[in-house]
C-alpha cells in the first residue's frame, strides 16, 4: 500500500553529477537526457547543448513538439538539489565558475561585477532564509506538481481532488460500447473521464476507488459491454455508475441544474468542497455556443472538474480535459468561458474511500 510520503513513488530525485550541484550551475542538457528515455532529446540536439530558448520552445506552453509530452510530465517529478540563487555569496566567484562550466563561452568581468551587485541587493539568504535552513544546499521541486500531490493526498486544499488527464478520447478509434458505428473519439468523453478518475486513484497515498484496477484504462471500461445499453454507445444510466463506483447516494451522487434555482449547482460545489469528504467530480457542459462550426454542436460534453469556479463563475484552470477539442477551446480566451456555471448541466460526484 502506497503512502503519501513514499516520495520515490511520486518524485524522481536526480543524483550527481547532473541533478545535484554545490553551486548554482546545472548541466540541463545531461539532465534532460536522463529524463528522456525515448531518445527524442538526443535526436533533436545531435550532440549540441540545449539553449534556454530551445528549452522553452520544447517544453513551454507555446509550441507543441511531438515527443515532448511524456518528457514534460517526467520533468515535473524531478527533485534537484542545489543552492538557492538569492544568496549574494553564490556570486562572489561567478566568473570563474561560469568560465569553467558553461559551454557558451566566457563571462566578462563587467557582467560578473553587475551580477554580484544585483545579487547582494536582492539577497534573501543572509539574515533571512539562512536562519530557517542553515545550509544553502536545498531540494527543489516543481511547485504546482508538489502542491497537487499534497492536494490529491488530502493534506491541503478542499475536498475536490483534481485528477490527472491520463487519457484523451481523441486518440482512440475503437467502436464505443455496444455500438457498431459510433467511435470513442466521437462520444467517449464519459468513459475517458471515468478512466482518468480510476487511474489517478491508484496514485493517491491515502485514498482509493475500489474498482480502480478493473477500470483504470479507457479500453477496459469500453470492453465491459454490461456497462452500455443494448446496441448503443451510451452508458446504461445509474446501473453503469453502480457497476463502476458502487452504491448511489453513498459512493457517488448526481446533481443536475435547477431551472427554479440558478445557483443550485454552484451551492452544491461549494458545499462539497467544504464538507471534508474527498471526492472527484465530473461535469457535463453544453458547449453548443462554441462548437457551432462542427457538424454536430456539442451539447453534452463531460470533463473533470478539479475545483471551484472563479468570481466570474468560469472554471479557469480547474477543467480536466478529455479531448483535443477541450485543449483547443481552453487556449482560446473567448471559447474557454463556455466552461462556466451557466452551461454546466450536471455533476457526477464520486467519493474516495480512505485506506
Protein backbone atom coordinates (compact mmCIF):
# COMPACT_ATOMS: atom_id res chain seq x y z
CA UNK A 1 0.00 0.00 0.00
CA UNK A 2 1.40 3.38 -1.03
CA UNK A 3 1.77 6.20 1.46
CA UNK A 4 1.62 9.87 0.53
CA UNK A 5 5.12 10.13 1.94
CA UNK A 6 6.61 7.35 -0.20
CA UNK A 7 8.36 10.09 -2.15
CA UNK A 8 10.14 7.75 -4.55
CA UNK A 9 6.74 6.64 -5.91
CA UNK A 10 5.79 10.17 -6.94
CA UNK A 11 9.10 12.02 -7.42
CA UNK A 12 12.36 11.32 -9.22
CA UNK A 13 15.39 12.51 -7.27
CA UNK A 14 18.27 13.06 -9.65
CA UNK A 15 21.68 12.38 -8.16
CA UNK A 16 25.17 13.53 -9.05
CA UNK A 17 26.54 14.69 -11.34
CA UNK A 18 23.55 16.23 -13.14
CA UNK A 19 20.73 16.79 -10.67
CA UNK A 20 22.81 17.73 -7.65
CA UNK A 21 25.40 20.50 -7.55
CA UNK A 22 27.23 22.54 -4.96
CA UNK A 23 26.80 25.77 -6.94
CA UNK A 24 24.02 27.37 -8.98
CA UNK A 25 25.04 25.80 -12.30
CA UNK A 26 23.33 22.71 -13.73
CA UNK A 27 24.02 20.83 -16.96
CA UNK A 28 20.46 20.95 -18.28
CA UNK A 29 21.31 19.00 -21.44
CA UNK A 30 22.54 15.99 -19.48
CA UNK A 31 19.65 16.28 -17.02
CA UNK A 32 17.19 16.13 -19.92
CA UNK A 33 18.96 13.11 -21.35
CA UNK A 34 18.46 11.34 -18.03
CA UNK A 35 14.77 12.19 -18.00
CA UNK A 36 14.10 11.42 -21.68
CA UNK A 37 14.23 7.68 -22.26
CA UNK A 38 12.66 7.95 -25.73
CA UNK A 39 15.76 9.39 -27.40
CA UNK A 40 13.90 12.49 -28.61
CA UNK A 41 16.28 14.99 -26.98
CA UNK A 42 19.37 13.21 -28.34
CA UNK A 43 17.96 13.31 -31.86
CA UNK A 44 16.92 16.94 -31.51
CA UNK A 45 20.28 18.17 -30.17
CA UNK A 46 22.51 15.87 -32.23
CA UNK A 47 25.44 16.39 -29.87
CA UNK A 48 24.77 20.06 -29.08
CA UNK A 49 23.92 21.64 -25.73
CA UNK A 50 20.37 22.87 -25.36
CA UNK A 51 19.93 26.63 -25.11
CA UNK A 52 17.45 28.42 -22.86
CA UNK A 53 15.40 29.42 -25.91
CA UNK A 54 15.23 25.83 -27.14
CA UNK A 55 14.29 24.62 -23.67
CA UNK A 56 11.31 27.00 -23.62
CA UNK A 57 10.29 26.04 -27.18
CA UNK A 58 10.36 22.32 -26.47
CA UNK A 59 8.73 22.24 -23.07
CA UNK A 60 6.97 25.59 -22.69
CA UNK A 61 3.27 26.26 -23.41
CA UNK A 62 3.74 27.85 -26.83
CA UNK A 63 4.75 25.25 -29.42
CA UNK A 64 3.69 21.61 -29.43
CA UNK A 65 6.53 19.22 -30.32
CA UNK A 66 5.52 15.61 -30.81
CA UNK A 67 7.55 13.52 -28.41
CA UNK A 68 7.85 16.05 -25.60
CA UNK A 69 4.61 15.31 -23.74
CA UNK A 70 5.96 12.45 -21.64
CA UNK A 71 9.23 14.31 -21.01
CA UNK A 72 7.33 17.37 -19.81
CA UNK A 73 5.36 15.16 -17.43
CA UNK A 74 8.52 13.50 -16.10
CA UNK A 75 10.24 16.86 -15.65
CA UNK A 76 7.56 17.88 -13.16
CA UNK A 77 8.54 14.96 -10.95
CA UNK A 78 12.24 15.78 -10.79
CA UNK A 79 13.80 16.83 -7.49
CA UNK A 80 17.09 18.75 -7.82
CA UNK A 81 19.49 19.75 -5.06
CA UNK A 82 21.46 22.98 -5.29
CA UNK A 83 21.92 26.34 -3.52
CA UNK A 84 19.23 28.98 -3.82
CA UNK A 85 20.23 31.79 -6.19
CA UNK A 86 19.01 34.53 -3.83
CA UNK A 87 22.32 34.42 -1.94
CA UNK A 88 24.96 37.06 -2.65
CA UNK A 89 27.78 34.69 -1.64
CA UNK A 90 26.96 32.45 -4.60
CA UNK A 91 28.07 35.25 -6.97
CA UNK A 92 31.44 36.18 -5.46
CA UNK A 93 33.24 33.74 -7.77
CA UNK A 94 30.63 33.72 -10.52
CA UNK A 95 33.00 34.45 -13.43
CA UNK A 96 35.40 31.58 -12.65
CA UNK A 97 32.53 29.12 -12.16
CA UNK A 98 30.81 30.22 -15.37
CA UNK A 99 34.00 30.10 -17.43
CA UNK A 100 34.71 26.61 -16.11
CA UNK A 101 31.24 25.08 -16.54
CA UNK A 102 29.44 26.92 -19.33
CA UNK A 103 29.62 25.57 -22.90
CA UNK A 104 28.63 29.03 -24.18
CA UNK A 105 31.91 30.94 -23.75
CA UNK A 106 33.29 33.20 -21.02
CA UNK A 107 31.67 35.85 -18.85
CA UNK A 108 33.00 39.41 -18.95
CA UNK A 109 34.36 40.99 -15.76
CA UNK A 110 31.82 43.78 -16.12
CA UNK A 111 28.85 41.37 -16.22
CA UNK A 112 30.23 39.41 -13.25
CA UNK A 113 30.53 42.62 -11.20
CA UNK A 114 26.98 43.67 -12.13
CA UNK A 115 25.56 40.25 -11.20
CA UNK A 116 27.30 40.35 -7.82
CA UNK A 117 25.93 43.82 -7.17
CA UNK A 118 22.38 42.72 -8.06
CA UNK A 119 22.67 39.52 -6.00
CA UNK A 120 23.78 41.40 -2.91
CA UNK A 121 20.95 43.92 -3.32
CA UNK A 122 18.32 41.16 -3.56
CA UNK A 123 19.84 38.71 -1.04
CA UNK A 124 17.13 36.70 0.77
CA UNK A 125 19.53 34.23 2.36
CA UNK A 126 21.76 36.16 4.75
CA UNK A 127 19.85 37.01 7.89
CA UNK A 128 16.67 35.55 6.38
CA UNK A 129 16.28 32.06 4.90
CA UNK A 130 19.62 31.08 6.44
CA UNK A 131 18.00 31.25 9.88
CA UNK A 132 15.47 28.62 8.76
CA UNK A 133 17.55 26.23 6.64
CA UNK A 134 21.07 26.71 7.99
CA UNK A 135 22.96 25.38 4.95
CA UNK A 136 22.31 26.67 1.46
CA UNK A 137 22.00 23.32 -0.33
CA UNK A 138 18.29 22.68 -0.74
CA UNK A 139 15.95 20.27 -2.52
CA UNK A 140 13.79 21.91 -5.22
CA UNK A 141 10.58 20.52 -6.69
CA UNK A 142 8.05 21.67 -9.28
CA UNK A 143 5.77 23.81 -7.07
CA UNK A 144 2.47 23.06 -8.82
CA UNK A 145 3.13 19.32 -9.08
CA UNK A 146 4.14 19.18 -5.41
CA UNK A 147 1.06 21.09 -4.24
CA UNK A 148 -1.19 18.96 -6.47
CA UNK A 149 0.36 15.86 -4.90
CA UNK A 150 -0.44 17.11 -1.40
CA UNK A 151 -3.90 18.19 -2.54
CA UNK A 152 -4.70 14.77 -4.05
CA UNK A 153 -3.48 13.16 -0.85
CA UNK A 154 -5.96 15.24 1.13
CA UNK A 155 -3.27 17.07 3.10
CA UNK A 156 -4.11 20.56 1.81
CA UNK A 157 -6.89 22.23 -0.13
CA UNK A 158 -10.58 21.49 -0.29
CA UNK A 159 -12.33 18.17 -0.71
CA UNK A 160 -12.42 18.26 -4.53
CA UNK A 161 -9.46 16.30 -5.92
CA UNK A 162 -8.09 17.43 -9.28
CA UNK A 163 -7.41 14.15 -11.05
CA UNK A 164 -4.97 13.59 -13.91
CA UNK A 165 -5.50 13.89 -17.66
CA UNK A 166 -4.04 10.47 -18.36
CA UNK A 167 -6.29 9.66 -21.32
CA UNK A 168 -7.58 11.68 -24.29
CA UNK A 169 -10.56 10.31 -26.19
CA UNK A 170 -9.32 11.90 -29.43
CA UNK A 171 -6.51 9.35 -29.53
CA UNK A 172 -8.86 6.34 -29.70
CA UNK A 173 -10.63 4.97 -32.76
CA UNK A 174 -12.32 1.91 -31.26
CA UNK A 175 -16.09 1.40 -31.52
CA UNK A 176 -17.90 2.65 -28.45
CA UNK A 177 -19.60 0.19 -26.12
CA UNK A 178 -22.19 -1.99 -27.88
CA UNK A 179 -22.48 0.41 -30.83
CA UNK A 180 -21.37 -0.87 -34.25
CA UNK A 181 -20.88 2.61 -35.71
CA UNK A 182 -20.01 5.22 -33.07
CA UNK A 183 -16.32 5.58 -32.23
CA UNK A 184 -14.85 6.56 -28.88
CA UNK A 185 -13.39 9.75 -30.31
CA UNK A 186 -16.92 10.98 -31.06
CA UNK A 187 -18.69 10.27 -27.77
CA UNK A 188 -16.13 8.84 -25.40
CA UNK A 189 -15.87 11.76 -23.00
CA UNK A 190 -17.74 9.87 -20.26
CA UNK A 191 -15.58 6.74 -20.20
CA UNK A 192 -12.43 8.86 -20.65
CA UNK A 193 -13.29 10.96 -17.60
CA UNK A 194 -14.06 7.90 -15.50
CA UNK A 195 -10.84 6.15 -16.61
CA UNK A 196 -8.87 9.24 -15.59
CA UNK A 197 -10.53 9.08 -12.16
CA UNK A 198 -9.64 5.44 -11.66
CA UNK A 199 -6.07 5.92 -12.91
CA UNK A 200 -5.47 8.84 -10.54
CA UNK A 201 -6.95 7.00 -7.57
CA UNK A 202 -4.16 4.42 -7.88
CA UNK A 203 -1.58 7.20 -7.45
CA UNK A 204 -3.06 8.53 -4.22
CA UNK A 205 -1.42 7.75 -0.94
CA UNK A 206 -4.36 7.82 1.47
CA UNK A 207 -7.46 7.34 -0.71
CA UNK A 208 -8.68 4.96 -3.40
CA UNK A 209 -11.57 3.85 -5.64
CA UNK A 210 -12.42 0.15 -5.18
CA UNK A 211 -12.64 -0.77 -8.88
CA UNK A 212 -9.51 1.09 -10.00
CA UNK A 213 -7.59 -1.98 -11.21
CA UNK A 214 -10.62 -3.12 -13.20
CA UNK A 215 -11.42 0.19 -14.91
CA UNK A 216 -8.21 2.27 -14.87
CA UNK A 217 -7.98 2.43 -18.68
CA UNK A 218 -10.40 3.71 -21.30
CA UNK A 219 -10.41 0.44 -23.22
CA UNK A 220 -11.08 -1.58 -20.05
CA UNK A 221 -14.28 0.39 -19.45
CA UNK A 222 -15.20 0.19 -23.12
CA UNK A 223 -14.68 -3.59 -23.14
CA UNK A 224 -17.26 -4.18 -20.41
CA UNK A 225 -20.38 -4.40 -22.55
CA UNK A 226 -22.59 -4.72 -19.47
CA UNK A 227 -21.97 -1.02 -18.82
CA UNK A 228 -23.67 0.01 -22.07
CA UNK A 229 -27.24 -0.06 -23.27
CA UNK A 230 -28.12 -2.67 -25.87
CA UNK A 231 -26.92 -1.76 -29.38
CA UNK A 232 -25.72 1.57 -28.07
CA UNK A 233 -22.67 3.63 -27.28
CA UNK A 234 -24.39 5.15 -24.25
CA UNK A 235 -23.61 4.10 -20.70
CA UNK A 236 -26.55 2.38 -19.06
CA UNK A 237 -27.52 5.17 -16.65
CA UNK A 238 -27.39 4.56 -12.90
CA UNK A 239 -26.80 0.86 -13.47
CA UNK A 240 -23.46 1.58 -15.16
CA UNK A 241 -22.41 4.00 -12.44
CA UNK A 242 -23.21 1.42 -9.76
CA UNK A 243 -21.03 -1.12 -11.56
CA UNK A 244 -18.22 1.42 -11.80
CA UNK A 245 -18.36 3.21 -8.47
CA UNK A 246 -20.71 1.41 -6.08
CA UNK A 247 -23.89 2.41 -4.27
CA UNK A 248 -25.75 5.52 -5.39
CA UNK A 249 -26.07 8.10 -2.63
CA UNK A 250 -23.19 6.56 -0.69
CA UNK A 251 -20.30 6.12 -3.13
CA UNK A 252 -21.48 8.57 -5.76
CA UNK A 253 -24.25 11.06 -6.46
CA UNK A 254 -25.56 13.12 -9.39
CA UNK A 255 -26.75 16.71 -9.08
CA UNK A 256 -28.50 18.39 -12.02
CA UNK A 257 -29.08 22.00 -12.94
CA UNK A 258 -32.25 23.50 -11.49
CA UNK A 259 -34.25 25.97 -13.56
CA UNK A 260 -36.02 27.20 -10.46
CA UNK A 261 -32.78 27.70 -8.53
CA UNK A 262 -29.97 29.03 -10.80
CA UNK A 263 -27.36 28.84 -8.04
CA UNK A 264 -28.17 25.23 -7.10
CA UNK A 265 -25.12 23.56 -8.69
CA UNK A 266 -22.72 26.27 -7.50
CA UNK A 267 -24.08 25.92 -3.97
CA UNK A 268 -23.59 22.15 -4.19
CA UNK A 269 -19.99 22.51 -5.39
CA UNK A 270 -19.17 24.88 -2.53
CA UNK A 271 -20.88 22.57 -0.05
CA UNK A 272 -18.94 19.55 -1.37
CA UNK A 273 -15.59 21.33 -1.29
CA UNK A 274 -16.03 22.47 2.29
CA UNK A 275 -17.57 19.23 3.60
CA UNK A 276 -14.23 17.47 4.06
CA UNK A 277 -15.07 14.21 2.26
CA UNK A 278 -12.55 13.87 -0.57
CA UNK A 279 -14.08 13.27 -3.96
CA UNK A 280 -13.62 13.53 -7.72
CA UNK A 281 -16.13 15.40 -9.86
CA UNK A 282 -17.17 15.06 -13.49
CA UNK A 283 -19.20 17.81 -15.10
CA UNK A 284 -21.39 17.78 -18.20
CA UNK A 285 -21.39 21.05 -20.15
CA UNK A 286 -23.50 22.38 -23.01
CA UNK A 287 -20.79 23.67 -25.34
CA UNK A 288 -23.06 24.32 -28.34
CA UNK A 289 -22.33 28.06 -28.18
CA UNK A 290 -18.66 27.45 -29.02
CA UNK A 291 -18.99 24.36 -31.25
CA UNK A 292 -21.47 25.65 -33.84
CA UNK A 293 -18.75 25.25 -36.50
CA UNK A 294 -18.78 21.47 -36.01
CA UNK A 295 -21.10 19.12 -37.96
CA UNK A 296 -22.86 18.34 -34.67
CA UNK A 297 -22.61 21.03 -31.95
CA UNK A 298 -21.53 19.56 -28.61
CA UNK A 299 -24.29 19.94 -26.03
CA UNK A 300 -23.42 17.08 -23.64
CA UNK A 301 -19.67 17.04 -23.05
CA UNK A 302 -18.12 15.56 -19.94
CA UNK A 303 -14.85 16.76 -18.44
CA UNK A 304 -13.36 16.63 -14.98
CA UNK A 305 -13.84 19.48 -12.52
CA UNK A 306 -10.87 19.95 -10.22
CA UNK A 307 -12.03 22.90 -8.16
CA UNK A 308 -14.49 25.74 -7.76
CA UNK A 309 -15.14 28.35 -10.48
CA UNK A 310 -13.64 31.83 -10.23
CA UNK A 311 -15.51 35.02 -9.32
CA UNK A 312 -16.93 35.16 -12.87
CA UNK A 313 -18.26 31.61 -12.41
CA UNK A 314 -15.81 30.29 -15.03
CA UNK A 315 -13.80 27.14 -14.35
CA UNK A 316 -10.44 28.75 -15.04
CA UNK A 317 -7.59 26.29 -14.58
CA UNK A 318 -9.78 23.63 -12.96
CA UNK A 319 -11.07 21.78 -16.04
CA UNK A 320 -9.63 18.29 -16.56
CA UNK A 321 -9.68 17.85 -20.34
CA UNK A 322 -10.93 14.74 -22.13
CA UNK A 323 -10.33 15.67 -25.78
CA UNK A 324 -8.30 17.71 -28.23
CA UNK A 325 -11.37 19.93 -28.55
CA UNK A 326 -11.07 20.85 -24.87
CA UNK A 327 -7.41 21.70 -25.36
CA UNK A 328 -8.19 23.99 -28.31
CA UNK A 329 -11.13 25.72 -26.65
CA UNK A 330 -9.33 26.27 -23.34
CA UNK A 331 -6.49 28.01 -25.19
CA UNK A 332 -8.99 30.44 -26.74
CA UNK A 333 -9.79 33.40 -24.45
CA UNK A 334 -13.34 33.61 -25.80
CA UNK A 335 -14.25 29.93 -26.02
CA UNK A 336 -12.82 28.88 -22.66
CA UNK A 337 -15.51 30.92 -20.89
CA UNK A 338 -18.06 28.32 -22.06
CA UNK A 339 -16.77 26.10 -19.26
CA UNK A 340 -18.82 28.02 -16.73
CA UNK A 341 -21.73 27.62 -14.33
CA UNK A 342 -24.19 28.94 -16.93
CA UNK A 343 -23.52 25.97 -19.23
CA UNK A 344 -22.91 23.33 -16.56
CA UNK A 345 -25.81 20.85 -16.81
CA UNK A 346 -24.95 18.33 -14.11
CA UNK A 347 -22.17 16.97 -11.94
CA UNK A 348 -21.26 13.41 -11.01
CA UNK A 349 -19.59 13.32 -7.59
CA UNK A 350 -17.53 10.19 -6.84
CA UNK A 351 -16.39 9.83 -3.22
CA UNK A 352 -12.93 8.47 -2.45
CA UNK A 353 -12.52 5.86 0.23
CA UNK A 354 -9.83 6.01 2.92
CA UNK A 355 -7.25 3.26 3.07
